[in-house]
Amino acid sequence: QVQLVESGGGLAQAGASLSLSCAASGRASGRTFSSYGIGWFRQAPGKEREFVANIRWRDGTTDYANSVKGRFRISRDNAKKTVYLQMNGLKPEDTAVYYCASREAWGSNSTMAIATNYDSWGQGTQVTVSS
């Protein structure tokens, strides 16, 4: 079972930047870790959890939600087993709890954008953007 720990959230003004980290630990069960996909999701109060971005561990293939495309960038550090989410040009509507999640096998873009398709989740980190 893979354990995930997010960090880096906080308070920012509109237009500012924040960087989130997702550190993975534990043993990948049945598969090498390189087969994993890591996703970032967010959930605002009263709203459903929504897809933000994901990355394929093996080759760095990425996908983004339209709402963050061009502003957010997901990346990974293999040696540190850490995935990052660089958030630029923050908007008040980006305010949410941000979660990272892992899935043992990479799937299609539509598959990887659905929260229930992920196996493990972090505890979440709050991001608040003021106008």
C-alpha atoms as a PDB file:
ATOM      1  CA  GLN A   1       0.000   0.000   0.000  1.00  0.00           C
ATOM      2  CA  VAL A   2       1.319   3.415  -0.982  1.00  0.00           C
ATOM      3  CA  GLN A   3       1.053   6.241   1.541  1.00  0.00           C
ATOM      4  CA  LEU A   4       0.791   9.825   0.321  1.00  0.00           C
ATOM      5  CA  VAL A   5       1.454  13.028   2.261  1.00  0.00           C
ATOM      6  CA  GLU A   6       0.668  16.457   0.843  1.00  0.00           C
ATOM      7  CA  SER A   7       2.290  19.694   1.914  1.00  0.00           C
ATOM      8  CA  GLY A   8       2.645  23.274   0.750  1.00  0.00           C
ATOM      9  CA  GLY A   9      -0.857  24.659   0.958  1.00  0.00           C
ATOM     10  CA  GLY A  10      -1.667  28.025   2.468  1.00  0.00           C
ATOM     11  CA  LEU A  11      -3.083  31.455   1.855  1.00  0.00           C
ATOM     12  CA  ALA A  12      -2.281  33.447  -1.284  1.00  0.00           C
ATOM     13  CA  GLN A  13      -3.579  36.514  -3.055  1.00  0.00           C
ATOM     14  CA  ALA A  14      -5.090  36.322  -6.503  1.00  0.00           C
ATOM     15  CA  GLY A  15      -2.378  36.210  -9.120  1.00  0.00           C
ATOM     16  CA  ALA A  16       0.199  34.724  -6.777  1.00  0.00           C
ATOM     17  CA  SER A  17       1.807  31.279  -6.878  1.00  0.00           C
ATOM     18  CA  LEU A  18       1.901  28.282  -4.571  1.00  0.00           C
ATOM     19  CA  SER A  19       3.609  24.927  -4.873  1.00  0.00           C
ATOM     20  CA  LEU A  20       2.219  21.707  -3.460  1.00  0.00           C
ATOM     21  CA  SER A  21       4.156  18.498  -2.822  1.00  0.00           C
ATOM     22  CA  CYS A  22       2.980  14.920  -2.597  1.00  0.00           C
ATOM     23  CA  ALA A  23       5.494  12.525  -1.055  1.00  0.00           C
ATOM     24  CA  ALA A  24       4.938   8.812  -1.654  1.00  0.00           C
ATOM     25  CA  SER A  25       6.165   6.044   0.608  1.00  0.00           C
ATOM     26  CA  GLY A  26       5.516   2.389   1.184  1.00  0.00           C
ATOM     27  CA  ARG A  27       5.788  -0.572  -1.124  1.00  0.00           C
ATOM     28  CA  ALA A  28       3.987  -0.709  -4.433  1.00  0.00           C
ATOM     29  CA  SER A  29       1.931  -3.889  -4.192  1.00  0.00           C
ATOM     30  CA  GLY A  30       2.254  -6.253  -7.120  1.00  0.00           C
ATOM     31  CA  ARG A  31       3.634  -3.692  -9.534  1.00  0.00           C
ATOM     32  CA  THR A  32       6.684  -1.562  -9.819  1.00  0.00           C
ATOM     33  CA  PHE A  33       6.144   2.012  -8.802  1.00  0.00           C
ATOM     34  CA  SER A  34       6.944   3.143 -12.333  1.00  0.00           C
ATOM     35  CA  SER A  35       3.541   1.866 -13.485  1.00  0.00           C
ATOM     36  CA  TYR A  36       1.718   4.218 -11.148  1.00  0.00           C
ATOM     37  CA  GLY A  37      -0.196   7.344 -11.961  1.00  0.00           C
ATOM     38  CA  ILE A  38      -0.444  10.227  -9.494  1.00  0.00           C
ATOM     39  CA  GLY A  39      -3.308  12.664  -9.610  1.00  0.00           C
ATOM     40  CA  TRP A  40      -4.150  15.944  -7.938  1.00  0.00           C
ATOM     41  CA  PHE A  41      -7.785  16.612  -7.117  1.00  0.00           C
ATOM     42  CA  ARG A  42      -9.467  19.408  -5.220  1.00  0.00           C
ATOM     43  CA  GLN A  43     -12.677  19.843  -3.298  1.00  0.00           C
ATOM     44  CA  ALA A  44     -14.278  23.151  -2.433  1.00  0.00           C
ATOM     45  CA  PRO A  45     -16.961  23.423   0.277  1.00  0.00           C
ATOM     46  CA  GLY A  46     -20.272  22.095  -0.949  1.00  0.00           C
ATOM     47  CA  LYS A  47     -18.799  20.821  -4.196  1.00  0.00           C
ATOM     48  CA  GLU A  48     -17.710  17.452  -5.503  1.00  0.00           C
ATOM     49  CA  ARG A  49     -14.070  16.479  -5.687  1.00  0.00           C
ATOM     50  CA  GLU A  50     -12.732  17.474  -9.089  1.00  0.00           C
ATOM     51  CA  PHE A  51      -9.746  16.521 -11.183  1.00  0.00           C
ATOM     52  CA  VAL A  52      -6.880  18.991 -11.447  1.00  0.00           C
ATOM     53  CA  ALA A  53      -3.909  17.225 -13.028  1.00  0.00           C
ATOM     54  CA  ASN A  54      -2.157  13.886 -13.226  1.00  0.00           C
ATOM     55  CA  ILE A  55       1.195  12.455 -14.192  1.00  0.00           C
ATOM     56  CA  ARG A  56       2.401   9.037 -15.295  1.00  0.00           C
ATOM     57  CA  TRP A  57       5.304   8.082 -13.108  1.00  0.00           C
ATOM     58  CA  ARG A  58       7.195   6.156 -15.762  1.00  0.00           C
ATOM     59  CA  ASP A  59       7.537   8.766 -18.470  1.00  0.00           C
ATOM     60  CA  GLY A  60       6.050  11.978 -17.073  1.00  0.00           C
ATOM     61  CA  THR A  61       2.987  12.007 -19.324  1.00  0.00           C
ATOM     62  CA  THR A  62       0.602  14.646 -17.977  1.00  0.00           C
ATOM     63  CA  ASP A  63      -2.982  15.772 -18.281  1.00  0.00           C
ATOM     64  CA  TYR A  64      -4.745  18.846 -16.912  1.00  0.00           C
ATOM     65  CA  ALA A  65      -8.261  20.044 -16.278  1.00  0.00           C
ATOM     66  CA  ASN A  66      -9.240  22.854 -18.627  1.00  0.00           C
ATOM     67  CA  SER A  67      -9.729  25.176 -15.661  1.00  0.00           C
ATOM     68  CA  VAL A  68      -6.022  25.015 -14.722  1.00  0.00           C
ATOM     69  CA  LYS A  69      -4.372  24.407 -18.082  1.00  0.00           C
ATOM     70  CA  GLY A  70      -1.664  26.974 -18.724  1.00  0.00           C
ATOM     71  CA  ARG A  71      -1.557  28.025 -15.052  1.00  0.00           C
ATOM     72  CA  PHE A  72      -0.689  24.825 -13.168  1.00  0.00           C
ATOM     73  CA  ARG A  73       2.174  22.452 -13.832  1.00  0.00           C
ATOM     74  CA  ILE A  74       2.587  18.936 -12.461  1.00  0.00           C
ATOM     75  CA  SER A  75       6.003  17.322 -12.232  1.00  0.00           C
ATOM     76  CA  ARG A  76       7.796  14.506 -10.413  1.00  0.00           C
ATOM     77  CA  ASP A  77      11.114  13.728  -8.796  1.00  0.00           C
ATOM     78  CA  ASN A  78      11.796  10.017  -9.133  1.00  0.00           C
ATOM     79  CA  ALA A  79      14.582   9.900  -6.583  1.00  0.00           C
ATOM     80  CA  LYS A  80      12.465  11.619  -3.944  1.00  0.00           C
ATOM     81  CA  LYS A  81       9.250   9.821  -4.950  1.00  0.00           C
ATOM     82  CA  THR A  82       7.559  13.183  -4.861  1.00  0.00           C
ATOM     83  CA  VAL A  83       5.067  14.807  -7.188  1.00  0.00           C
ATOM     84  CA  TYR A  84       4.714  18.576  -7.324  1.00  0.00           C
ATOM     85  CA  LEU A  85       1.921  20.880  -8.380  1.00  0.00           C
ATOM     86  CA  GLN A  86       3.126  24.364  -9.252  1.00  0.00           C
ATOM     87  CA  MET A  87       0.166  26.730  -9.228  1.00  0.00           C
ATOM     88  CA  ASN A  88       0.584  30.101 -10.913  1.00  0.00           C
ATOM     89  CA  GLY A  89      -1.908  32.864 -11.565  1.00  0.00           C
ATOM     90  CA  LEU A  90      -4.086  31.715  -8.695  1.00  0.00           C
ATOM     91  CA  LYS A  91      -7.741  32.705  -8.702  1.00  0.00           C
ATOM     92  CA  PRO A  92     -10.255  32.779  -5.841  1.00  0.00           C
ATOM     93  CA  GLU A  93     -12.063  29.871  -7.509  1.00  0.00           C
ATOM     94  CA  ASP A  94      -8.934  27.756  -6.951  1.00  0.00           C
ATOM     95  CA  THR A  95      -9.723  27.792  -3.229  1.00  0.00           C
ATOM     96  CA  ALA A  96     -10.179  24.194  -2.082  1.00  0.00           C
ATOM     97  CA  VAL A  97      -8.618  21.310  -0.221  1.00  0.00           C
ATOM     98  CA  TYR A  98      -6.124  19.721  -2.574  1.00  0.00           C
ATOM     99  CA  TYR A  99      -5.547  15.974  -2.480  1.00  0.00           C
ATOM    100  CA  CYS A 100      -3.052  13.765  -4.230  1.00  0.00           C
ATOM    101  CA  ALA A 101      -3.947  10.211  -5.091  1.00  0.00           C
ATOM    102  CA  SER A 102      -2.255   7.201  -6.626  1.00  0.00           C
ATOM    103  CA  ARG A 103      -3.449   4.557  -9.031  1.00  0.00           C
ATOM    104  CA  GLU A 104      -1.524   1.332  -9.616  1.00  0.00           C
ATOM    105  CA  ALA A 105      -1.982   1.348 -13.367  1.00  0.00           C
ATOM    106  CA  TRP A 106      -2.129   4.161 -15.869  1.00  0.00           C
ATOM    107  CA  GLY A 107      -5.356   4.451 -17.824  1.00  0.00           C
ATOM    108  CA  SER A 108      -6.973   6.645 -20.414  1.00  0.00           C
ATOM    109  CA  ASN A 109      -7.357  10.375 -19.780  1.00  0.00           C
ATOM    110  CA  SER A 110     -10.997   9.872 -18.882  1.00  0.00           C
ATOM    111  CA  THR A 111     -10.139   7.056 -16.482  1.00  0.00           C
ATOM    112  CA  MET A 112      -7.404   9.041 -14.769  1.00  0.00           C
ATOM    113  CA  ALA A 113      -9.704  12.043 -14.302  1.00  0.00           C
ATOM    114  CA  ILE A 114     -12.179  10.147 -12.107  1.00  0.00           C
ATOM    115  CA  ALA A 115     -11.483  10.214  -8.374  1.00  0.00           C
ATOM    116  CA  THR A 116     -13.030   6.831  -7.650  1.00  0.00           C
ATOM    117  CA  ASN A 117     -10.504   5.167  -9.974  1.00  0.00           C
ATOM    118  CA  TYR A 118      -7.655   5.935  -7.575  1.00  0.00           C
ATOM    119  CA  ASP A 119      -6.444   3.521  -4.894  1.00  0.00           C
ATOM    120  CA  SER A 120      -4.770   5.644  -2.228  1.00  0.00           C
ATOM    121  CA  TRP A 121      -5.258   9.211  -1.044  1.00  0.00           C
ATOM    122  CA  GLY A 122      -3.400  11.736   1.022  1.00  0.00           C
ATOM    123  CA  GLN A 123      -4.969  13.705   3.838  1.00  0.00           C
ATOM    124  CA  GLY A 124      -5.290  16.914   1.826  1.00  0.00           C
ATOM    125  CA  THR A 125      -3.889  20.420   2.135  1.00  0.00           C
ATOM    126  CA  GLN A 126      -5.888  23.647   2.177  1.00  0.00           C
ATOM    127  CA  VAL A 127      -5.330  26.307  -0.477  1.00  0.00           C
ATOM    128  CA  THR A 128      -7.098  29.630   0.015  1.00  0.00           C
ATOM    129  CA  VAL A 129      -6.902  32.405  -2.574  1.00  0.00           C
ATOM    130  CA  SER A 130      -8.126  35.859  -1.641  1.00  0.00           C
ATOM    131  CA  SER A 131      -9.292  38.436  -4.158  1.00  0.00           C
END
